[in-house]
All heavy atoms as atom14 arrays in JSON, in Angstrom:
{
  "sequence": "QKFTTKIVQMMKYEKLFESQGGPIILSQIENEYGADT",
  "atom14_mask": [
    [1, 1, 1, 1, 1, 1, 1, 1, 1, 0, 0, 0, 0, 0],
    [1, 1, 1, 1, 1, 1, 1, 1, 1, 0, 0, 0, 0, 0],
    [1, 1, 1, 1, 1, 1, 1, 1, 1, 1, 1, 0, 0, 0],
    [1, 1, 1, 1, 1, 1, 1, 0, 0, 0, 0, 0, 0, 0],
    [1, 1, 1, 1, 1, 1, 1, 0, 0, 0, 0, 0, 0, 0],
    [1, 1, 1, 1, 1, 1, 1, 1, 1, 0, 0, 0, 0, 0],
    [1, 1, 1, 1, 1, 1, 1, 1, 0, 0, 0, 0, 0, 0],
    [1, 1, 1, 1, 1, 1, 1, 0, 0, 0, 0, 0, 0, 0],
    [1, 1, 1, 1, 1, 1, 1, 1, 1, 0, 0, 0, 0, 0],
    [1, 1, 1, 1, 1, 1, 1, 1, 0, 0, 0, 0, 0, 0],
    [1, 1, 1, 1, 1, 1, 1, 1, 0, 0, 0, 0, 0, 0],
    [1, 1, 1, 1, 1, 1, 1, 1, 1, 0, 0, 0, 0, 0],
    [1, 1, 1, 1, 1, 1, 1, 1, 1, 1, 1, 1, 0, 0],
    [1, 1, 1, 1, 1, 1, 1, 1, 1, 0, 0, 0, 0, 0],
    [1, 1, 1, 1, 1, 1, 1, 1, 1, 0, 0, 0, 0, 0],
    [1, 1, 1, 1, 1, 1, 1, 1, 0, 0, 0, 0, 0, 0],
    [1, 1, 1, 1, 1, 1, 1, 1, 1, 1, 1, 0, 0, 0],
    [1, 1, 1, 1, 1, 1, 1, 1, 1, 0, 0, 0, 0, 0],
    [1, 1, 1, 1, 1, 1, 0, 0, 0, 0, 0, 0, 0, 0],
    [1, 1, 1, 1, 1, 1, 1, 1, 1, 0, 0, 0, 0, 0],
    [1, 1, 1, 1, 0, 0, 0, 0, 0, 0, 0, 0, 0, 0],
    [1, 1, 1, 1, 0, 0, 0, 0, 0, 0, 0, 0, 0, 0],
    [1, 1, 1, 1, 1, 1, 1, 0, 0, 0, 0, 0, 0, 0],
    [1, 1, 1, 1, 1, 1, 1, 1, 0, 0, 0, 0, 0, 0],
    [1, 1, 1, 1, 1, 1, 1, 1, 0, 0, 0, 0, 0, 0],
    [1, 1, 1, 1, 1, 1, 1, 1, 0, 0, 0, 0, 0, 0],
    [1, 1, 1, 1, 1, 1, 0, 0, 0, 0, 0, 0, 0, 0],
    [1, 1, 1, 1, 1, 1, 1, 1, 1, 0, 0, 0, 0, 0],
    [1, 1, 1, 1, 1, 1, 1, 1, 0, 0, 0, 0, 0, 0],
    [1, 1, 1, 1, 1, 1, 1, 1, 1, 0, 0, 0, 0, 0],
    [1, 1, 1, 1, 1, 1, 1, 1, 0, 0, 0, 0, 0, 0],
    [1, 1, 1, 1, 1, 1, 1, 1, 1, 0, 0, 0, 0, 0],
    [1, 1, 1, 1, 1, 1, 1, 1, 1, 1, 1, 1, 0, 0],
    [1, 1, 1, 1, 0, 0, 0, 0, 0, 0, 0, 0, 0, 0],
    [1, 1, 1, 1, 1, 0, 0, 0, 0, 0, 0, 0, 0, 0],
    [1, 1, 1, 1, 1, 1, 1, 1, 0, 0, 0, 0, 0, 0],
    [1, 1, 1, 1, 1, 1, 1, 0, 0, 0, 0, 0, 0, 0]
  ],
  "atom14_positions": [
    [[0.83, -1.21, 0.0], [0.0, 0.0, 0.0], [0.87, 1.26, 0.0], [0.55, 2.24, -0.69], [-0.93, 0.01, 1.2], [-1.86, 1.22, 1.24], [-2.93, 1.11, 2.32], [-2.92, 0.19, 3.13], [-3.87, 2.03, 2.32], [0.0, 0.0, 0.0], [0.0, 0.0, 0.0], [0.0, 0.0, 0.0], [0.0, 0.0, 0.0], [0.0, 0.0, 0.0]],
    [[1.95, 1.22, 0.73], [2.84, 2.38, 0.79], [3.4, 2.71, -0.59], [3.41, 3.88, -1.01], [3.99, 2.12, 1.78], [4.96, 3.28, 1.9], [6.1, 2.95, 2.86], [7.1, 4.08, 2.93], [8.27, 3.74, 3.8], [0.0, 0.0, 0.0], [0.0, 0.0, 0.0], [0.0, 0.0, 0.0], [0.0, 0.0, 0.0], [0.0, 0.0, 0.0]],
    [[3.86, 1.68, -1.32], [4.44, 1.94, -2.63], [3.37, 2.35, -3.64], [3.56, 3.29, -4.42], [5.19, 0.72, -3.15], [5.77, 0.92, -4.52], [6.91, 1.71, -4.69], [5.18, 0.36, -5.64], [7.43, 1.93, -5.96], [5.71, 0.56, -6.91], [6.84, 1.35, -7.06], [0.0, 0.0, 0.0], [0.0, 0.0, 0.0], [0.0, 0.0, 0.0]],
    [[2.24, 1.66, -3.63], [1.15, 2.0, -4.55], [0.69, 3.43, -4.33], [0.48, 4.19, -5.29], [-0.03, 1.03, -4.36], [0.42, -0.32, -4.57], [-1.15, 1.34, -5.35], [0.0, 0.0, 0.0], [0.0, 0.0, 0.0], [0.0, 0.0, 0.0], [0.0, 0.0, 0.0], [0.0, 0.0, 0.0], [0.0, 0.0, 0.0], [0.0, 0.0, 0.0]],
    [[0.56, 3.81, -3.07], [0.13, 5.17, -2.74], [1.14, 6.19, -3.22], [0.77, 7.26, -3.73], [-0.08, 5.3, -1.22], [-1.06, 4.35, -0.79], [-0.54, 6.7, -0.85], [0.0, 0.0, 0.0], [0.0, 0.0, 0.0], [0.0, 0.0, 0.0], [0.0, 0.0, 0.0], [0.0, 0.0, 0.0], [0.0, 0.0, 0.0], [0.0, 0.0, 0.0]],
    [[2.44, 5.87, -3.08], [3.47, 6.81, -3.54], [3.35, 7.06, -5.04], [3.44, 8.2, -5.5], [4.86, 6.3, -3.2], [5.95, 7.26, -3.67], [7.29, 6.94, -3.11], [8.33, 7.98, -3.54], [8.11, 9.31, -2.93], [0.0, 0.0, 0.0], [0.0, 0.0, 0.0], [0.0, 0.0, 0.0], [0.0, 0.0, 0.0], [0.0, 0.0, 0.0]],
    [[3.16, 5.99, -5.81], [3.04, 6.14, -7.26], [1.81, 6.97, -7.61], [1.86, 7.89, -8.44], [3.0, 4.77, -7.95], [4.31, 4.01, -7.73], [2.73, 4.92, -9.44], [5.54, 4.7, -8.26], [0.0, 0.0, 0.0], [0.0, 0.0, 0.0], [0.0, 0.0, 0.0], [0.0, 0.0, 0.0], [0.0, 0.0, 0.0], [0.0, 0.0, 0.0]],
    [[0.69, 6.66, -6.99], [-0.54, 7.41, -7.27], [-0.37, 8.88, -6.9], [-0.77, 9.78, -7.66], [-1.74, 6.79, -6.52], [-2.95, 7.72, -6.56], [-2.1, 5.44, -7.12], [0.0, 0.0, 0.0], [0.0, 0.0, 0.0], [0.0, 0.0, 0.0], [0.0, 0.0, 0.0], [0.0, 0.0, 0.0], [0.0, 0.0, 0.0], [0.0, 0.0, 0.0]],
    [[0.25, 9.16, -5.76], [0.44, 10.54, -5.35], [1.37, 11.29, -6.31], [1.16, 12.48, -6.59], [0.99, 10.6, -3.92], [-0.04, 10.22, -2.86], [0.54, 10.2, -1.46], [1.75, 10.13, -1.27], [-0.33, 10.25, -0.45], [0.0, 0.0, 0.0], [0.0, 0.0, 0.0], [0.0, 0.0, 0.0], [0.0, 0.0, 0.0], [0.0, 0.0, 0.0]],
    [[2.39, 10.6, -6.82], [3.27, 11.22, -7.82], [2.48, 11.6, -9.06], [2.64, 12.7, -9.61], [4.4, 10.27, -8.2], [5.51, 10.13, -7.19], [6.81, 9.03, -7.8], [7.43, 9.95, -9.2], [0.0, 0.0, 0.0], [0.0, 0.0, 0.0], [0.0, 0.0, 0.0], [0.0, 0.0, 0.0], [0.0, 0.0, 0.0], [0.0, 0.0, 0.0]],
    [[1.65, 10.7, -9.52], [0.86, 10.97, -10.72], [-0.14, 12.11, -10.45], [-0.34, 12.97, -11.31], [0.11, 9.71, -11.15], [1.0, 8.53, -11.53], [2.15, 8.85, -12.89], [3.71, 8.95, -11.99], [0.0, 0.0, 0.0], [0.0, 0.0, 0.0], [0.0, 0.0, 0.0], [0.0, 0.0, 0.0], [0.0, 0.0, 0.0], [0.0, 0.0, 0.0]],
    [[-0.74, 12.12, -9.28], [-1.68, 13.19, -8.94], [-0.96, 14.54, -8.87], [-1.48, 15.56, -9.36], [-2.36, 12.9, -7.6], [-3.47, 11.87, -7.66], [-4.16, 11.76, -6.3], [-5.34, 10.82, -6.33], [-6.02, 10.74, -5.01], [0.0, 0.0, 0.0], [0.0, 0.0, 0.0], [0.0, 0.0, 0.0], [0.0, 0.0, 0.0], [0.0, 0.0, 0.0]],
    [[0.21, 14.55, -8.27], [0.96, 15.8, -8.13], [1.28, 16.41, -9.49], [1.25, 17.63, -9.67], [2.25, 15.55, -7.35], [3.1, 16.78, -7.15], [2.8, 17.7, -6.15], [4.2, 17.02, -7.97], [3.57, 18.84, -5.98], [4.98, 18.16, -7.81], [4.66, 19.06, -6.82], [5.43, 20.19, -6.65], [0.0, 0.0, 0.0], [0.0, 0.0, 0.0]],
    [[1.57, 15.53, -10.46], [1.89, 15.98, -11.82], [0.65, 16.13, -12.68], [0.75, 16.42, -13.87], [2.88, 15.0, -12.47], [4.2, 14.84, -11.75], [5.09, 16.06, -11.88], [4.81, 16.9, -12.77], [6.05, 16.18, -11.1], [0.0, 0.0, 0.0], [0.0, 0.0, 0.0], [0.0, 0.0, 0.0], [0.0, 0.0, 0.0], [0.0, 0.0, 0.0]],
    [[-0.54, 15.91, -12.08], [-1.83, 16.0, -12.79], [-1.86, 15.11, -14.03], [-2.18, 15.55, -15.14], [-2.14, 17.46, -13.16], [-2.24, 18.39, -11.96], [-2.7, 19.77, -12.37], [-2.74, 20.72, -11.17], [-3.59, 20.24, -10.05], [0.0, 0.0, 0.0], [0.0, 0.0, 0.0], [0.0, 0.0, 0.0], [0.0, 0.0, 0.0], [0.0, 0.0, 0.0]],
    [[-1.55, 13.85, -13.83], [-1.41, 12.92, -14.95], [-2.57, 11.95, -15.09], [-2.61, 11.19, -16.06], [-0.08, 12.16, -14.83], [1.16, 13.03, -14.99], [2.43, 12.22, -14.75], [1.2, 13.69, -16.37], [0.0, 0.0, 0.0], [0.0, 0.0, 0.0], [0.0, 0.0, 0.0], [0.0, 0.0, 0.0], [0.0, 0.0, 0.0], [0.0, 0.0, 0.0]],
    [[-3.5, 11.94, -14.14], [-4.69, 11.12, -14.34], [-5.66, 11.87, -15.26], [-5.71, 13.11, -15.26], [-5.35, 10.79, -13.0], [-4.62, 9.76, -12.21], [-3.86, 10.11, -11.1], [-4.67, 8.42, -12.58], [-3.16, 9.16, -10.37], [-3.97, 7.45, -11.86], [-3.22, 7.82, -10.75], [0.0, 0.0, 0.0], [0.0, 0.0, 0.0], [0.0, 0.0, 0.0]],
    [[-6.41, 11.13, -16.03], [-7.35, 11.73, -16.98], [-8.35, 12.64, -16.28], [-8.78, 13.65, -16.84], [-8.07, 10.64, -17.75], [-8.9, 11.13, -18.93], [-8.04, 11.51, -20.13], [-6.81, 11.31, -20.09], [-8.61, 12.03, -21.1], [0.0, 0.0, 0.0], [0.0, 0.0, 0.0], [0.0, 0.0, 0.0], [0.0, 0.0, 0.0], [0.0, 0.0, 0.0]],
    [[-8.7, 12.3, -15.05], [-9.62, 13.14, -14.28], [-9.03, 14.51, -13.97], [-9.76, 15.43, -13.61], [-9.98, 12.43, -12.96], [-8.8, 12.11, -12.23], [0.0, 0.0, 0.0], [0.0, 0.0, 0.0], [0.0, 0.0, 0.0], [0.0, 0.0, 0.0], [0.0, 0.0, 0.0], [0.0, 0.0, 0.0], [0.0, 0.0, 0.0], [0.0, 0.0, 0.0]],
    [[-7.7, 14.64, -14.14], [-7.01, 15.92, -13.92], [-6.58, 16.57, -15.24], [-5.88, 17.57, -15.25], [-5.76, 15.71, -13.06], [-6.01, 15.05, -11.72], [-4.7, 14.67, -11.04], [-3.98, 13.78, -11.49], [-4.39, 15.35, -9.95], [0.0, 0.0, 0.0], [0.0, 0.0, 0.0], [0.0, 0.0, 0.0], [0.0, 0.0, 0.0], [0.0, 0.0, 0.0]],
    [[-6.98, 15.95, -16.36], [-6.53, 16.43, -17.66], [-5.29, 15.74, -18.17], [-4.71, 16.14, -19.18], [0.0, 0.0, 0.0], [0.0, 0.0, 0.0], [0.0, 0.0, 0.0], [0.0, 0.0, 0.0], [0.0, 0.0, 0.0], [0.0, 0.0, 0.0], [0.0, 0.0, 0.0], [0.0, 0.0, 0.0], [0.0, 0.0, 0.0], [0.0, 0.0, 0.0]],
    [[-4.85, 14.68, -17.49], [-3.67, 13.92, -17.91], [-4.03, 12.76, -18.81], [-5.19, 12.56, -19.18], [0.0, 0.0, 0.0], [0.0, 0.0, 0.0], [0.0, 0.0, 0.0], [0.0, 0.0, 0.0], [0.0, 0.0, 0.0], [0.0, 0.0, 0.0], [0.0, 0.0, 0.0], [0.0, 0.0, 0.0], [0.0, 0.0, 0.0], [0.0, 0.0, 0.0]],
    [[-3.05, 11.93, -19.15], [-3.28, 10.84, -20.1], [-3.71, 9.52, -19.49], [-4.13, 8.61, -20.22], [-1.92, 10.69, -20.78], [-0.95, 11.04, -19.69], [-1.61, 12.13, -18.87], [0.0, 0.0, 0.0], [0.0, 0.0, 0.0], [0.0, 0.0, 0.0], [0.0, 0.0, 0.0], [0.0, 0.0, 0.0], [0.0, 0.0, 0.0], [0.0, 0.0, 0.0]],
    [[-3.6, 9.33, -18.17], [-3.84, 8.02, -17.57], [-5.34, 7.77, -17.49], [-6.05, 8.44, -16.73], [-3.21, 7.9, -16.17], [-1.7, 8.15, -16.23], [-3.48, 6.52, -15.58], [-1.04, 8.25, -14.87], [0.0, 0.0, 0.0], [0.0, 0.0, 0.0], [0.0, 0.0, 0.0], [0.0, 0.0, 0.0], [0.0, 0.0, 0.0], [0.0, 0.0, 0.0]],
    [[-5.82, 6.79, -18.25], [-7.25, 6.48, -18.26], [-7.58, 5.2, -17.51], [-8.74, 4.93, -17.2], [-7.79, 6.35, -19.7], [-7.03, 5.25, -20.47], [-7.72, 7.69, -20.42], [-7.63, 4.91, -21.81], [0.0, 0.0, 0.0], [0.0, 0.0, 0.0], [0.0, 0.0, 0.0], [0.0, 0.0, 0.0], [0.0, 0.0, 0.0], [0.0, 0.0, 0.0]],
    [[-6.57, 4.38, -17.23], [-6.76, 3.12, -16.51], [-5.58, 2.89, -15.58], [-4.46, 3.3, -15.88], [-6.84, 1.93, -17.47], [-8.12, 1.61, -18.23], [-7.86, 0.43, -19.16], [-9.26, 1.3, -17.28], [0.0, 0.0, 0.0], [0.0, 0.0, 0.0], [0.0, 0.0, 0.0], [0.0, 0.0, 0.0], [0.0, 0.0, 0.0], [0.0, 0.0, 0.0]],
    [[-5.83, 2.18, -14.49], [-4.75, 1.68, -13.64], [-5.05, 0.23, -13.27], [-6.22, -0.17, -13.2], [-4.6, 2.51, -12.37], [-3.98, 3.76, -12.65], [0.0, 0.0, 0.0], [0.0, 0.0, 0.0], [0.0, 0.0, 0.0], [0.0, 0.0, 0.0], [0.0, 0.0, 0.0], [0.0, 0.0, 0.0], [0.0, 0.0, 0.0], [0.0, 0.0, 0.0]],
    [[-4.0, -0.51, -13.05], [-4.15, -1.92, -12.66], [-3.58, -2.13, -11.27], [-2.51, -1.63, -10.94], [-3.44, -2.85, -13.64], [-3.53, -4.32, -13.25], [-2.87, -5.24, -14.26], [-3.29, -5.32, -15.39], [-1.8, -5.9, -13.84], [0.0, 0.0, 0.0], [0.0, 0.0, 0.0], [0.0, 0.0, 0.0], [0.0, 0.0, 0.0], [0.0, 0.0, 0.0]],
    [[-4.31, -2.9, -10.46], [-3.8, -3.32, -9.16], [-3.66, -4.84, -9.19], [-4.5, -5.54, -9.77], [-4.73, -2.86, -8.0], [-4.02, -3.0, -6.65], [-6.06, -3.59, -8.02], [-2.89, -2.01, -6.46], [0.0, 0.0, 0.0], [0.0, 0.0, 0.0], [0.0, 0.0, 0.0], [0.0, 0.0, 0.0], [0.0, 0.0, 0.0], [0.0, 0.0, 0.0]],
    [[-2.58, -5.35, -8.58], [-2.22, -6.76, -8.68], [-2.01, -7.15, -10.15], [-2.06, -6.31, -11.04], [-3.23, -7.68, -7.99], [-2.71, -8.28, -6.68], [-1.45, -9.14, -6.84], [-1.22, -9.68, -7.93], [-0.71, -9.28, -5.87], [0.0, 0.0, 0.0], [0.0, 0.0, 0.0], [0.0, 0.0, 0.0], [0.0, 0.0, 0.0], [0.0, 0.0, 0.0]],
    [[-1.72, -8.44, -10.39], [-1.41, -8.87, -11.76], [-1.5, -10.39, -11.85], [-0.74, -11.09, -11.19], [0.0, -8.41, -12.15], [0.32, -8.72, -13.6], [-0.4, -8.29, -14.49], [1.39, -9.46, -13.83], [0.0, 0.0, 0.0], [0.0, 0.0, 0.0], [0.0, 0.0, 0.0], [0.0, 0.0, 0.0], [0.0, 0.0, 0.0], [0.0, 0.0, 0.0]],
    [[-2.45, -10.86, -12.65], [-2.61, -12.3, -12.89], [-2.63, -13.1, -11.58], [-2.0, -14.15, -11.47], [-1.5, -12.81, -13.81], [-1.54, -12.17, -15.2], [-0.54, -12.79, -16.16], [0.5, -13.31, -15.7], [-0.79, -12.75, -17.37], [0.0, 0.0, 0.0], [0.0, 0.0, 0.0], [0.0, 0.0, 0.0], [0.0, 0.0, 0.0], [0.0, 0.0, 0.0]],
    [[-3.34, -12.57, -10.61], [-3.39, -13.24, -9.31], [-4.35, -14.42, -9.29], [-4.2, -15.34, -8.48], [-3.79, -12.23, -8.22], [-3.72, -12.76, -6.81], [-2.5, -13.12, -6.25], [-4.87, -12.9, -6.04], [-2.43, -13.6, -4.95], [-4.81, -13.38, -4.74], [-3.59, -13.73, -4.19], [-3.52, -14.21, -2.92], [0.0, 0.0, 0.0], [0.0, 0.0, 0.0]],
    [[-5.35, -14.4, -10.17], [-6.38, -15.44, -10.14], [-5.84, -16.84, -10.21], [-6.33, -17.75, -9.54], [0.0, 0.0, 0.0], [0.0, 0.0, 0.0], [0.0, 0.0, 0.0], [0.0, 0.0, 0.0], [0.0, 0.0, 0.0], [0.0, 0.0, 0.0], [0.0, 0.0, 0.0], [0.0, 0.0, 0.0], [0.0, 0.0, 0.0], [0.0, 0.0, 0.0]],
    [[-4.77, -17.04, -11.01], [-4.2, -18.38, -11.15], [-3.56, -18.87, -9.86], [-3.42, -20.08, -9.65], [-3.16, -18.37, -12.27], [0.0, 0.0, 0.0], [0.0, 0.0, 0.0], [0.0, 0.0, 0.0], [0.0, 0.0, 0.0], [0.0, 0.0, 0.0], [0.0, 0.0, 0.0], [0.0, 0.0, 0.0], [0.0, 0.0, 0.0], [0.0, 0.0, 0.0]],
    [[-3.17, -17.95, -8.98], [-2.5, -18.33, -7.73], [-3.45, -18.36, -6.52], [-3.06, -18.79, -5.44], [-1.36, -17.34, -7.42], [-0.25, -17.4, -8.46], [-0.17, -18.42, -9.17], [0.52, -16.44, -8.55], [0.0, 0.0, 0.0], [0.0, 0.0, 0.0], [0.0, 0.0, 0.0], [0.0, 0.0, 0.0], [0.0, 0.0, 0.0], [0.0, 0.0, 0.0]],
    [[-4.67, -17.88, -6.72], [-5.58, -17.72, -5.59], [-5.79, -19.02, -4.83], [-5.82, -19.06, -3.59], [-6.95, -17.18, -6.06], [-6.74, -15.93, -6.73], [-7.88, -16.96, -4.89], [0.0, 0.0, 0.0], [0.0, 0.0, 0.0], [0.0, 0.0, 0.0], [0.0, 0.0, 0.0], [0.0, 0.0, 0.0], [0.0, 0.0, 0.0], [0.0, 0.0, 0.0]]
  ]
}
């Protein structure tokens, strides 16, 4: 959570999410976890 939050805050600070007029329209959390569940 600490690392994920840092990345999100960096993107927010630079106004890079689409909701801020930036290019980021999607984000992914975790990755191909279903096979390991």
